[in-house]
C-alpha atoms as a PDB file:
ATOM      1  CA  MET A   1    -149.329 135.993 192.013  1.00  0.00           C
ATOM      2  CA  LEU A   2    -153.058 136.326 191.738  1.00  0.00           C
ATOM      3  CA  ALA A   3    -154.934 136.634 194.969  1.00  0.00           C
ATOM      4  CA  LEU A   4    -158.034 134.497 194.787  1.00  0.00           C
ATOM      5  CA  LYS A   5    -160.920 134.809 197.158  1.00  0.00           C
ATOM      6  CA  LEU A   6    -164.132 133.065 196.279  1.00  0.00           C
ATOM      7  CA  ASP A   7    -166.870 135.304 197.726  1.00  0.00           C
ATOM      8  CA  ARG A   8    -169.530 132.919 196.572  1.00  0.00           C
ATOM      9  CA  ARG A   9    -169.018 129.468 195.179  1.00  0.00           C
ATOM     10  CA  PRO A  10    -170.370 129.069 191.641  1.00  0.00           C
ATOM     11  CA  ASP A  11    -172.577 126.048 191.112  1.00  0.00           C
ATOM     12  CA  ASP A  12    -170.110 124.215 188.896  1.00  0.00           C
ATOM     13  CA  LEU A  13    -167.258 124.289 191.438  1.00  0.00           C
ATOM     14  CA  PRO A  14    -166.801 121.275 193.677  1.00  0.00           C
ATOM     15  CA  ALA A  15    -167.420 121.723 197.385  1.00  0.00           C
ATOM     16  CA  VAL A  16    -164.227 119.823 198.208  1.00  0.00           C
ATOM     17  CA  TRP A  17    -161.242 119.722 195.874  1.00  0.00           C
ATOM     18  CA  THR A  18    -159.448 116.379 195.582  1.00  0.00           C
ATOM     19  CA  ARG A  19    -156.433 115.302 193.555  1.00  0.00           C
ATOM     20  CA  ALA A  20    -158.711 113.586 191.042  1.00  0.00           C
ATOM     21  CA  ILE A  21    -160.773 116.746 190.527  1.00  0.00           C
ATOM     22  CA  VAL A  22    -157.674 118.924 190.141  1.00  0.00           C
ATOM     23  CA  ARG A  23    -156.226 116.439 187.633  1.00  0.00           C
ATOM     24  CA  GLU A  24    -159.499 116.446 185.688  1.00  0.00           C
ATOM     25  CA  TRP A  25    -159.516 120.260 185.551  1.00  0.00           C
ATOM     26  CA  LEU A  26    -155.868 120.357 184.450  1.00  0.00           C
ATOM     27  CA  ARG A  27    -156.548 117.697 181.807  1.00  0.00           C
ATOM     28  CA  ASP A  28    -159.534 119.676 180.490  1.00  0.00           C
ATOM     29  CA  ALA A  29    -157.454 122.861 180.435  1.00  0.00           C
ATOM     30  CA  ALA A  30    -154.649 121.157 178.496  1.00  0.00           C
ATOM     31  CA  THR A  31    -157.156 119.647 176.055  1.00  0.00           C
ATOM     32  CA  ALA A  32    -158.871 122.988 175.493  1.00  0.00           C
ATOM     33  CA  LEU A  33    -155.547 124.691 174.886  1.00  0.00           C
ATOM     34  CA  ARG A  34    -154.567 122.020 172.353  1.00  0.00           C
ATOM     35  CA  TRP A  35    -157.929 122.200 170.571  1.00  0.00           C
ATOM     36  CA  LEU A  36    -158.144 125.971 170.243  1.00  0.00           C
ATOM     37  CA  PRO A  37    -158.207 127.014 166.596  1.00  0.00           C
ATOM     38  CA  ASP A  38    -154.893 127.609 164.881  1.00  0.00           C
ATOM     39  CA  GLY A  39    -153.960 130.812 163.072  1.00  0.00           C
ATOM     40  CA  GLU A  40    -154.562 129.868 159.454  1.00  0.00           C
ATOM     41  CA  ARG A  41    -158.070 128.622 160.151  1.00  0.00           C
ATOM     42  CA  ARG A  42    -159.025 131.600 162.265  1.00  0.00           C
ATOM     43  CA  TRP A  43    -160.466 133.452 159.289  1.00  0.00           C
ATOM     44  CA  LEU A  44    -163.044 130.674 158.959  1.00  0.00           C
ATOM     45  CA  ALA A  45    -164.344 131.260 162.474  1.00  0.00           C
ATOM     46  CA  ASP A  46    -166.594 134.185 161.619  1.00  0.00           C
ATOM     47  CA  LYS A  47    -168.114 132.335 158.659  1.00  0.00           C
ATOM     48  CA  ARG A  48    -168.640 129.055 160.487  1.00  0.00           C
ATOM     49  CA  ALA A  49    -169.369 130.248 164.012  1.00  0.00           C
ATOM     50  CA  TRP A  50    -173.110 129.903 163.478  1.00  0.00           C
ATOM     51  CA  MET A  51    -172.817 126.308 162.222  1.00  0.00           C
ATOM     52  CA  PRO A  52    -173.764 123.426 164.508  1.00  0.00           C
ATOM     53  CA  GLU A  53    -170.938 121.054 165.479  1.00  0.00           C
ATOM     54  CA  VAL A  54    -172.095 118.395 162.980  1.00  0.00           C
ATOM     55  CA  LEU A  55    -171.822 120.821 160.072  1.00  0.00           C
ATOM     56  CA  ARG A  56    -168.473 122.156 161.291  1.00  0.00           C
ATOM     57  CA  ALA A  57    -167.048 118.628 161.475  1.00  0.00           C
ATOM     58  CA  SER A  58    -168.388 117.870 157.986  1.00  0.00           C
ATOM     59  CA  ALA A  59    -166.922 121.111 156.660  1.00  0.00           C
ATOM     60  CA  ASP A  60    -163.543 120.178 158.145  1.00  0.00           C
ATOM     61  CA  VAL A  61    -163.676 116.717 156.557  1.00  0.00           C
ATOM     62  CA  PHE A  62    -164.564 118.277 153.210  1.00  0.00           C
ATOM     63  CA  ALA A  63    -161.782 120.883 153.499  1.00  0.00           C
ATOM     64  CA  ASN A  64    -159.252 118.172 154.361  1.00  0.00           C
ATOM     65  CA  ALA A  65    -160.429 116.056 151.406  1.00  0.00           C
ATOM     66  CA  VAL A  66    -159.963 119.009 149.056  1.00  0.00           C
ATOM     67  CA  ASP A  67    -156.481 119.630 150.488  1.00  0.00           C
ATOM     68  CA  ARG A  68    -155.559 115.957 150.065  1.00  0.00           C
ATOM     69  CA  GLU A  69    -156.832 115.927 146.491  1.00  0.00           C
ATOM     70  CA  ALA A  70    -154.828 119.043 145.682  1.00  0.00           C
ATOM     71  CA  THR A  71    -151.629 117.647 147.187  1.00  0.00           C
ATOM     72  CA  GLY A  72    -152.143 114.022 146.106  1.00  0.00           C
ATOM     73  CA  ASP A  73    -152.113 112.796 149.707  1.00  0.00           C
ATOM     74  CA  LYS A  74    -154.101 109.560 150.180  1.00  0.00           C
ATOM     75  CA  GLU A  75    -154.353 109.830 153.975  1.00  0.00           C
ATOM     76  CA  ARG A  76    -157.624 109.310 155.834  1.00  0.00           C
ATOM     77  CA  PRO A  77    -159.598 112.479 156.513  1.00  0.00           C
ATOM     78  CA  ARG A  78    -158.917 114.150 159.849  1.00  0.00           C
ATOM     79  CA  ILE A  79    -161.773 115.492 161.924  1.00  0.00           C
ATOM     80  CA  ARG A  80    -160.792 118.645 163.735  1.00  0.00           C
ATOM     81  CA  HIS A  81    -161.720 118.634 167.399  1.00  0.00           C
ATOM     82  CA  THR A  82    -162.974 121.762 169.090  1.00  0.00           C
ATOM     83  CA  ALA A  83    -162.899 122.541 172.775  1.00  0.00           C
ATOM     84  CA  THR A  84    -166.201 122.431 174.587  1.00  0.00           C
ATOM     85  CA  PRO A  85    -167.387 125.527 176.450  1.00  0.00           C
ATOM     86  CA  GLU A  86    -166.834 123.684 179.750  1.00  0.00           C
ATOM     87  CA  GLN A  87    -163.217 122.932 178.816  1.00  0.00           C
ATOM     88  CA  ILE A  88    -162.595 126.541 177.812  1.00  0.00           C
ATOM     89  CA  ASP A  89    -164.163 127.713 181.081  1.00  0.00           C
ATOM     90  CA  ARG A  90    -161.882 125.396 183.052  1.00  0.00           C
ATOM     91  CA  LEU A  91    -158.847 126.570 181.072  1.00  0.00           C
ATOM     92  CA  TYR A  92    -159.746 130.175 181.850  1.00  0.00           C
ATOM     93  CA  ARG A  93    -160.193 129.427 185.547  1.00  0.00           C
ATOM     94  CA  VAL A  94    -156.945 127.458 185.819  1.00  0.00           C
ATOM     95  CA  ILE A  95    -155.099 130.373 184.225  1.00  0.00           C
ATOM     96  CA  GLU A  96    -157.000 133.063 186.139  1.00  0.00           C
ATOM     97  CA  TRP A  97    -156.503 131.396 189.505  1.00  0.00           C
ATOM     98  CA  GLY A  98    -152.815 130.844 188.795  1.00  0.00           C
ATOM     99  CA  TRP A  99    -152.635 127.152 189.704  1.00  0.00           C
ATOM    100  CA  ILE A 100    -149.351 126.690 187.877  1.00  0.00           C
ATOM    101  CA  GLY A 101    -147.881 129.669 189.749  1.00  0.00           C
ATOM    102  CA  TRP A 102    -148.634 127.941 193.056  1.00  0.00           C
ATOM    103  CA  LEU A 103    -146.051 125.255 192.301  1.00  0.00           C
ATOM    104  CA  ASP A 104    -142.546 125.643 193.673  1.00  0.00           C
ATOM    105  CA  ALA A 105    -140.108 124.670 190.952  1.00  0.00           C
ATOM    106  CA  LYS A 106    -140.019 124.794 187.168  1.00  0.00           C
ATOM    107  CA  ARG A 107    -139.586 121.025 187.190  1.00  0.00           C
ATOM    108  CA  GLU A 108    -142.903 120.641 189.056  1.00  0.00           C
ATOM    109  CA  VAL A 109    -144.664 122.919 186.584  1.00  0.00           C
ATOM    110  CA  LYS A 110    -143.324 120.929 183.644  1.00  0.00           C
ATOM    111  CA  LEU A 111    -144.208 117.645 185.333  1.00  0.00           C
ATOM    112  CA  VAL A 112    -147.798 118.582 186.235  1.00  0.00           C
ATOM    113  CA  TRP A 113    -148.505 120.116 182.829  1.00  0.00           C
ATOM    114  CA  ALA A 114    -146.898 117.215 180.918  1.00  0.00           C
ATOM    115  CA  ARG A 115    -149.020 114.707 182.855  1.00  0.00           C
ATOM    116  CA  ALA A 116    -152.117 116.838 182.201  1.00  0.00           C
ATOM    117  CA  CYS A 117    -151.281 116.771 178.487  1.00  0.00           C
ATOM    118  CA  GLY A 118    -151.052 112.979 178.614  1.00  0.00           C
ATOM    119  CA  PHE A 119    -147.357 112.637 177.809  1.00  0.00           C
ATOM    120  CA  ALA A 120    -145.831 109.179 178.197  1.00  0.00           C
ATOM    121  CA  PRO A 121    -143.529 108.634 181.202  1.00  0.00           C
ATOM    122  CA  ARG A 122    -140.525 108.225 178.900  1.00  0.00           C
ATOM    123  CA  ARG A 123    -141.161 111.625 177.336  1.00  0.00           C
ATOM    124  CA  ILE A 124    -141.672 113.211 180.766  1.00  0.00           C
ATOM    125  CA  ARG A 125    -138.348 111.678 181.866  1.00  0.00           C
ATOM    126  CA  SER A 126    -136.607 113.417 178.966  1.00  0.00           C
ATOM    127  CA  ILE A 127    -138.228 116.724 180.010  1.00  0.00           C
ATOM    128  CA  THR A 128    -137.799 116.538 183.790  1.00  0.00           C
ATOM    129  CA  GLY A 129    -135.136 113.884 184.378  1.00  0.00           C
ATOM    130  CA  LEU A 130    -137.439 112.018 186.783  1.00  0.00           C
ATOM    131  CA  GLU A 131    -138.099 108.300 186.711  1.00  0.00           C
ATOM    132  CA  PRO A 132    -141.769 107.196 186.389  1.00  0.00           C
ATOM    133  CA  ARG A 133    -142.092 106.379 190.101  1.00  0.00           C
ATOM    134  CA  GLN A 134    -140.716 109.803 191.040  1.00  0.00           C
ATOM    135  CA  GLN A 135    -143.017 111.404 188.482  1.00  0.00           C
ATOM    136  CA  ARG A 136    -146.113 109.882 190.081  1.00  0.00           C
ATOM    137  CA  TYR A 137    -145.029 110.803 193.605  1.00  0.00           C
ATOM    138  CA  ARG A 138    -144.038 114.397 192.850  1.00  0.00           C
ATOM    139  CA  GLU A 139    -147.055 115.035 190.637  1.00  0.00           C
ATOM    140  CA  ALA A 140    -149.335 113.717 193.393  1.00  0.00           C
ATOM    141  CA  GLN A 141    -147.678 116.054 195.909  1.00  0.00           C
ATOM    142  CA  ALA A 142    -148.029 119.070 193.621  1.00  0.00           C
ATOM    143  CA  VAL A 143    -151.659 118.337 192.765  1.00  0.00           C
ATOM    144  CA  GLU A 144    -152.414 117.773 196.457  1.00  0.00           C
ATOM    145  CA  ARG A 145    -150.986 121.252 197.243  1.00  0.00           C
ATOM    146  CA  ILE A 146    -153.251 122.800 194.596  1.00  0.00           C
ATOM    147  CA  ALA A 147    -156.278 120.948 196.000  1.00  0.00           C
ATOM    148  CA  ALA A 148    -155.438 121.978 199.581  1.00  0.00           C
ATOM    149  CA  ARG A 149    -155.062 125.618 198.551  1.00  0.00           C
ATOM    150  CA  MET A 150    -158.367 125.566 196.675  1.00  0.00           C
ATOM    151  CA  ASN A 151    -160.052 124.057 199.740  1.00  0.00           C
ATOM    152  CA  ARG A 152    -158.631 126.837 201.947  1.00  0.00           C
ATOM    153  CA  LEU A 153    -159.772 129.541 199.519  1.00  0.00           C
ATOM    154  CA  GLY A 154    -163.272 128.183 199.032  1.00  0.00           C
END
């Protein structure tokens, strides 16, 4: 377990942590993790790192069009999303502070992370075995514990 003591509160941290703020941070962390570059495109990072977002998105559309033309796929072009620096910062802080480790059971961890990822209640039920009403109640309890701990530490 990581011991966290905030000696000074950075400007971007809330003064009081609420369930809504914790959920927002978890959602941003899950989004950033999903939008991190995958392995086969990593070699492009050094060549395109200097490009503005508009050019990167256009380059992705062009690369997808070339791939579709080569494979004969007539699908619409996909625009690759990238995580914002704020989302990556929140992901790093959620991991560094060990929020997930503060939860009691594996089921709670799966529940909180699945809700942060935006999974449908039916899919969460197949993962955790909890009905939607139980999911909301237990997720609210877990997120409230994270918020209370952050308030004590800050």
